[in-house]
């Protein structure tokens, strides 16, 4: 899945200033947040795109999100 970092208008209780979302056009809702390695938001400029292995997930009684397990790593897309 192709994802990108961005700065949301409001964090809505989420941690951090920079968040990650799916890129539009992949059949995944681009408003979902991606749970991923903190390096992706701390070590790269906002707007960087990454290729990750990910799946849709849902917190018990909560919202749907995309999970990109840390162990799978990621690739920076130029």
Protein backbone atom coordinates (compact mmCIF):
# COMPACT_ATOMS: atom_id res chain seq x y z
CA UNK A 1 0.00 0.00 0.00
CA UNK A 2 1.23 3.48 -0.81
CA UNK A 3 0.96 5.92 2.11
CA UNK A 4 2.06 9.49 2.77
CA UNK A 5 2.82 11.65 5.79
CA UNK A 6 0.78 14.79 6.42
CA UNK A 7 -0.09 17.35 9.10
CA UNK A 8 -3.82 17.17 9.95
CA UNK A 9 -5.87 20.29 10.65
CA UNK A 10 -6.83 18.77 14.03
CA UNK A 11 -5.28 15.79 15.78
CA UNK A 12 -8.52 14.66 17.43
CA UNK A 13 -6.78 13.06 20.38
CA UNK A 14 -4.10 11.33 18.30
CA UNK A 15 -0.47 11.65 19.24
CA UNK A 16 2.11 13.54 17.24
CA UNK A 17 1.99 16.45 14.84
CA UNK A 18 2.61 14.38 11.70
CA UNK A 19 0.31 11.51 10.70
CA UNK A 20 0.24 8.96 7.87
CA UNK A 21 -2.66 8.17 5.51
CA UNK A 22 -3.26 5.99 2.43
CA UNK A 23 -2.71 7.68 -0.93
CA UNK A 24 -5.93 8.21 -2.93
CA UNK A 25 -6.81 5.78 -5.73
CA UNK A 26 -6.02 2.44 -4.10
CA UNK A 27 -9.52 1.46 -2.99
CA UNK A 28 -8.71 2.36 0.64
CA UNK A 29 -10.36 5.35 2.31
CA UNK A 30 -7.69 8.11 2.35
CA UNK A 31 -9.19 9.58 5.53
CA UNK A 32 -8.11 6.53 7.55
CA UNK A 33 -4.99 6.88 9.66
CA UNK A 34 -2.09 4.45 9.35
CA UNK A 35 -0.46 2.98 12.44
CA UNK A 36 3.19 2.62 11.44
CA UNK A 37 6.81 3.05 12.44
CA UNK A 38 7.50 6.32 14.22
CA UNK A 39 10.60 6.72 12.01
CA UNK A 40 8.31 7.45 9.08
CA UNK A 41 7.02 10.63 10.73
CA UNK A 42 10.16 11.63 12.65
CA UNK A 43 12.96 10.98 10.14
CA UNK A 44 11.41 12.13 6.84
CA UNK A 45 9.86 15.42 5.67
CA UNK A 46 6.07 15.85 5.63
CA UNK A 47 4.65 14.66 2.32
CA UNK A 48 7.07 11.74 1.93
CA UNK A 49 5.48 8.66 0.39
CA UNK A 50 6.19 5.14 1.59
CA UNK A 51 5.40 1.67 0.34
CA UNK A 52 4.24 -0.56 3.22
CA UNK A 53 2.60 -3.93 3.81
CA UNK A 54 -0.62 -3.11 5.63
CA UNK A 55 -4.09 -4.33 6.53
CA UNK A 56 -7.35 -2.81 7.72
CA UNK A 57 -7.94 -3.19 11.43
CA UNK A 58 -10.44 -2.03 14.02
CA UNK A 59 -10.04 -1.30 17.70
CA UNK A 60 -12.54 -3.09 19.92
CA UNK A 61 -15.61 -0.89 19.79
CA UNK A 62 -13.62 1.81 18.03
CA UNK A 63 -12.69 3.20 14.67
CA UNK A 64 -11.22 1.50 11.61
CA UNK A 65 -7.58 2.22 10.78
CA UNK A 66 -4.75 0.82 8.67
CA UNK A 67 -2.02 -1.13 10.43
CA UNK A 68 1.46 -1.39 8.91
CA UNK A 69 3.37 -3.67 11.33
CA UNK A 70 6.79 -2.34 12.30
CA UNK A 71 8.45 -5.69 11.63
CA UNK A 72 7.54 -5.58 7.92
CA UNK A 73 9.51 -2.39 7.33
CA UNK A 74 8.87 0.16 4.60
CA UNK A 75 10.40 1.68 1.48
CA UNK A 76 10.64 5.38 0.68
CA UNK A 77 9.11 6.20 -2.71
CA UNK A 78 10.88 8.92 -4.71
